[in-house]
Amino acid sequence: MSRTRRKFSSAFKAKVAIEAIKEQRTISELAQEFEVHPNQVSQWKREFLERSAQVFEGDKSKQKKSNAWNLNSGWLMSALVA
């Protein structure tokens, strides 16, 4: 009786990471709310913080790759402000 692995979208991961960065609730509370393991919340938060500097890099080749991310950045900013 094997269980299939769940696949999470990058938007969902970002949402969870942003909530963790806000530090308004504990990692355990967030994990329970989003139905993921607390270690997963911590990992997504760490990855988000490590890669956030790439948004401001001036390399044009990397900028093309980040265009998809820019499309979703509007709701990310609103989530950070809220």
N, C-alpha and C. Protein backbone atom coordinates (compact mmCIF):
# COMPACT_ATOMS: atom_id res chain seq x y z
N MET A 1 0.84 -1.17 0.00
CA MET A 1 0.00 0.00 0.00
C MET A 1 0.89 1.24 0.00
N SER A 2 1.28 1.68 -1.19
CA SER A 2 2.15 2.85 -1.28
C SER A 2 1.33 4.11 -1.43
N ARG A 3 1.89 5.16 -0.96
CA ARG A 3 1.23 6.46 -0.99
C ARG A 3 1.92 7.32 -2.04
N THR A 4 1.15 7.98 -2.89
CA THR A 4 1.76 8.80 -3.92
C THR A 4 2.28 10.10 -3.30
N ARG A 5 3.38 10.57 -3.86
CA ARG A 5 3.99 11.81 -3.37
C ARG A 5 3.19 13.00 -3.84
N ARG A 6 3.03 13.94 -2.94
CA ARG A 6 2.34 15.17 -3.32
C ARG A 6 3.33 16.12 -3.98
N LYS A 7 2.85 16.85 -4.97
CA LYS A 7 3.68 17.83 -5.67
C LYS A 7 3.07 19.20 -5.41
N PHE A 8 3.91 20.12 -4.95
CA PHE A 8 3.46 21.45 -4.60
C PHE A 8 3.94 22.45 -5.64
N SER A 9 3.08 23.38 -6.01
CA SER A 9 3.46 24.40 -6.99
C SER A 9 4.43 25.39 -6.34
N SER A 10 5.17 26.08 -7.18
CA SER A 10 6.10 27.07 -6.67
C SER A 10 5.35 28.21 -5.98
N ALA A 11 4.15 28.53 -6.46
CA ALA A 11 3.35 29.58 -5.83
C ALA A 11 2.95 29.17 -4.41
N PHE A 12 2.58 27.92 -4.23
CA PHE A 12 2.21 27.42 -2.90
C PHE A 12 3.41 27.47 -1.97
N LYS A 13 4.57 27.03 -2.46
CA LYS A 13 5.79 27.05 -1.65
C LYS A 13 6.14 28.47 -1.23
N ALA A 14 6.01 29.40 -2.16
CA ALA A 14 6.31 30.80 -1.85
C ALA A 14 5.35 31.34 -0.80
N LYS A 15 4.10 30.99 -0.92
CA LYS A 15 3.09 31.44 0.05
C LYS A 15 3.43 30.94 1.44
N VAL A 16 3.78 29.67 1.55
CA VAL A 16 4.14 29.10 2.85
C VAL A 16 5.41 29.76 3.38
N ALA A 17 6.41 29.95 2.51
CA ALA A 17 7.67 30.56 2.92
C ALA A 17 7.45 31.98 3.42
N ILE A 18 6.62 32.74 2.74
CA ILE A 18 6.35 34.12 3.16
C ILE A 18 5.67 34.15 4.52
N GLU A 19 4.73 33.26 4.73
CA GLU A 19 4.08 33.18 6.04
C GLU A 19 5.09 32.84 7.13
N ALA A 20 6.05 31.97 6.81
CA ALA A 20 7.07 31.61 7.79
C ALA A 20 8.01 32.78 8.07
N ILE A 21 8.31 33.56 7.04
CA ILE A 21 9.19 34.72 7.20
C ILE A 21 8.53 35.78 8.07
N LYS A 22 7.23 35.93 7.96
CA LYS A 22 6.51 36.91 8.78
C LYS A 22 6.65 36.65 10.27
N GLU A 23 6.81 35.37 10.64
CA GLU A 23 6.98 34.93 12.03
C GLU A 23 5.82 35.37 12.93
N GLN A 24 4.62 35.39 12.38
CA GLN A 24 3.45 35.69 13.19
C GLN A 24 2.89 34.43 13.84
N ARG A 25 3.23 33.27 13.27
CA ARG A 25 2.84 31.98 13.82
C ARG A 25 4.05 31.06 13.81
N THR A 26 4.01 30.03 14.62
CA THR A 26 5.13 29.10 14.68
C THR A 26 5.16 28.22 13.43
N ILE A 27 6.30 27.60 13.21
CA ILE A 27 6.46 26.69 12.08
C ILE A 27 5.46 25.54 12.21
N SER A 28 5.26 25.06 13.41
CA SER A 28 4.30 23.97 13.63
C SER A 28 2.88 24.37 13.28
N GLU A 29 2.51 25.58 13.63
CA GLU A 29 1.17 26.07 13.30
C GLU A 29 0.98 26.19 11.79
N LEU A 30 2.00 26.72 11.12
CA LEU A 30 1.93 26.84 9.67
C LEU A 30 1.87 25.47 8.99
N ALA A 31 2.67 24.55 9.49
CA ALA A 31 2.67 23.20 8.92
C ALA A 31 1.30 22.54 9.05
N GLN A 32 0.69 22.74 10.17
CA GLN A 32 -0.63 22.16 10.39
C GLN A 32 -1.66 22.84 9.47
N GLU A 33 -1.58 24.14 9.35
CA GLU A 33 -2.53 24.88 8.50
C GLU A 33 -2.41 24.47 7.03
N PHE A 34 -1.16 24.35 6.54
CA PHE A 34 -0.95 24.04 5.13
C PHE A 34 -0.81 22.54 4.86
N GLU A 35 -0.93 21.74 5.90
CA GLU A 35 -0.89 20.28 5.79
C GLU A 35 0.40 19.75 5.17
N VAL A 36 1.52 20.26 5.70
CA VAL A 36 2.85 19.78 5.31
C VAL A 36 3.66 19.54 6.58
N HIS A 37 4.79 18.89 6.45
CA HIS A 37 5.65 18.62 7.60
C HIS A 37 6.38 19.90 8.00
N PRO A 38 6.60 20.13 9.29
CA PRO A 38 7.33 21.33 9.73
C PRO A 38 8.71 21.48 9.09
N ASN A 39 9.39 20.36 8.86
CA ASN A 39 10.70 20.44 8.20
C ASN A 39 10.57 21.02 6.80
N GLN A 40 9.48 20.72 6.13
CA GLN A 40 9.25 21.23 4.77
C GLN A 40 9.07 22.75 4.80
N VAL A 41 8.35 23.25 5.78
CA VAL A 41 8.16 24.70 5.92
C VAL A 41 9.51 25.38 6.13
N SER A 42 10.32 24.82 6.99
CA SER A 42 11.64 25.39 7.26
C SER A 42 12.52 25.37 6.02
N GLN A 43 12.47 24.28 5.27
CA GLN A 43 13.27 24.17 4.06
C GLN A 43 12.85 25.20 3.02
N TRP A 44 11.54 25.35 2.80
CA TRP A 44 11.06 26.32 1.83
C TRP A 44 11.41 27.74 2.25
N LYS A 45 11.35 28.04 3.54
CA LYS A 45 11.72 29.36 4.05
C LYS A 45 13.20 29.62 3.77
N ARG A 46 14.05 28.65 4.08
CA ARG A 46 15.49 28.79 3.88
C ARG A 46 15.82 28.99 2.39
N GLU A 47 15.20 28.19 1.52
CA GLU A 47 15.43 28.32 0.09
C GLU A 47 14.97 29.68 -0.43
N PHE A 48 13.82 30.15 0.05
CA PHE A 48 13.29 31.44 -0.36
C PHE A 48 14.27 32.55 0.00
N LEU A 49 14.77 32.52 1.22
CA LEU A 49 15.70 33.55 1.67
C LEU A 49 17.03 33.48 0.92
N GLU A 50 17.52 32.28 0.65
CA GLU A 50 18.78 32.12 -0.07
C GLU A 50 18.69 32.62 -1.50
N ARG A 51 17.57 32.40 -2.14
CA ARG A 51 17.43 32.74 -3.56
C ARG A 51 16.82 34.12 -3.80
N SER A 52 16.38 34.80 -2.78
CA SER A 52 15.71 36.09 -2.97
C SER A 52 16.64 37.14 -3.57
N ALA A 53 17.93 37.07 -3.30
CA ALA A 53 18.88 38.04 -3.85
C ALA A 53 18.97 37.95 -5.37
N GLN A 54 18.67 36.81 -5.94
CA GLN A 54 18.74 36.63 -7.38
C GLN A 54 17.76 37.54 -8.11
N VAL A 55 16.72 37.96 -7.45
CA VAL A 55 15.73 38.84 -8.07
C VAL A 55 16.38 40.16 -8.47
N PHE A 56 17.37 40.60 -7.71
CA PHE A 56 17.97 41.91 -7.94
C PHE A 56 19.28 41.86 -8.72
N GLU A 57 19.67 40.70 -9.20
CA GLU A 57 20.89 40.59 -9.99
C GLU A 57 20.66 41.21 -11.36
N GLY A 58 21.73 41.77 -11.92
CA GLY A 58 21.62 42.48 -13.18
C GLY A 58 21.85 41.64 -14.42
N ASP A 59 22.12 40.37 -14.29
CA ASP A 59 22.42 39.52 -15.43
C ASP A 59 21.17 39.33 -16.30
N LYS A 60 21.26 39.69 -17.56
CA LYS A 60 20.10 39.64 -18.46
C LYS A 60 19.68 38.21 -18.78
N SER A 61 20.61 37.27 -18.83
CA SER A 61 20.23 35.89 -19.14
C SER A 61 19.40 35.28 -18.03
N LYS A 62 19.72 35.63 -16.80
CA LYS A 62 18.93 35.14 -15.68
C LYS A 62 17.59 35.84 -15.61
N GLN A 63 17.55 37.07 -16.13
CA GLN A 63 16.31 37.83 -16.09
C GLN A 63 15.24 37.16 -16.94
N LYS A 64 15.61 36.55 -18.06
CA LYS A 64 14.66 35.85 -18.90
C LYS A 64 14.04 34.67 -18.16
N LYS A 65 14.85 33.98 -17.37
CA LYS A 65 14.36 32.83 -16.63
C LYS A 65 13.41 33.25 -15.52
N SER A 66 13.58 34.45 -15.02
CA SER A 66 12.75 34.88 -13.89
C SER A 66 11.47 35.57 -14.33
N ASN A 67 11.22 35.67 -15.62
CA ASN A 67 10.00 36.34 -16.08
C ASN A 67 8.74 35.65 -15.56
N ALA A 68 8.74 34.34 -15.48
CA ALA A 68 7.58 33.63 -14.94
C ALA A 68 7.36 34.00 -13.48
N TRP A 69 8.44 34.16 -12.75
CA TRP A 69 8.32 34.55 -11.34
C TRP A 69 7.73 35.94 -11.24
N ASN A 70 8.13 36.85 -12.12
CA ASN A 70 7.65 38.23 -12.08
C ASN A 70 6.15 38.31 -12.27
N LEU A 71 5.58 37.39 -13.02
CA LEU A 71 4.14 37.40 -13.24
C LEU A 71 3.38 37.20 -11.94
N ASN A 72 3.96 36.43 -11.03
CA ASN A 72 3.29 36.13 -9.76
C ASN A 72 3.74 37.06 -8.63
N SER A 73 4.64 37.98 -8.90
CA SER A 73 5.21 38.79 -7.83
C SER A 73 4.19 39.75 -7.22
N GLY A 74 3.14 40.09 -7.94
CA GLY A 74 2.13 41.00 -7.41
C GLY A 74 1.47 40.46 -6.16
N TRP A 75 1.07 39.21 -6.21
CA TRP A 75 0.42 38.64 -5.01
C TRP A 75 1.44 38.38 -3.92
N LEU A 76 2.73 38.16 -4.29
CA LEU A 76 3.75 37.98 -3.27
C LEU A 76 3.93 39.26 -2.46
N MET A 77 3.99 40.39 -3.16
CA MET A 77 4.16 41.65 -2.47
C MET A 77 2.96 41.96 -1.58
N SER A 78 1.76 41.67 -2.07
CA SER A 78 0.58 41.91 -1.25
C SER A 78 0.57 41.01 -0.02
N ALA A 79 1.11 39.81 -0.15
CA ALA A 79 1.18 38.90 0.99
C ALA A 79 2.18 39.39 2.03
N LEU A 80 3.27 39.99 1.57
CA LEU A 80 4.27 40.50 2.51
C LEU A 80 3.76 41.72 3.27
N VAL A 81 3.01 42.55 2.59
CA VAL A 81 2.50 43.78 3.20
C VAL A 81 1.37 43.48 4.18
N ALA A 82 0.57 42.49 3.87
CA ALA A 82 -0.61 42.17 4.70
C ALA A 82 -0.25 41.67 6.06
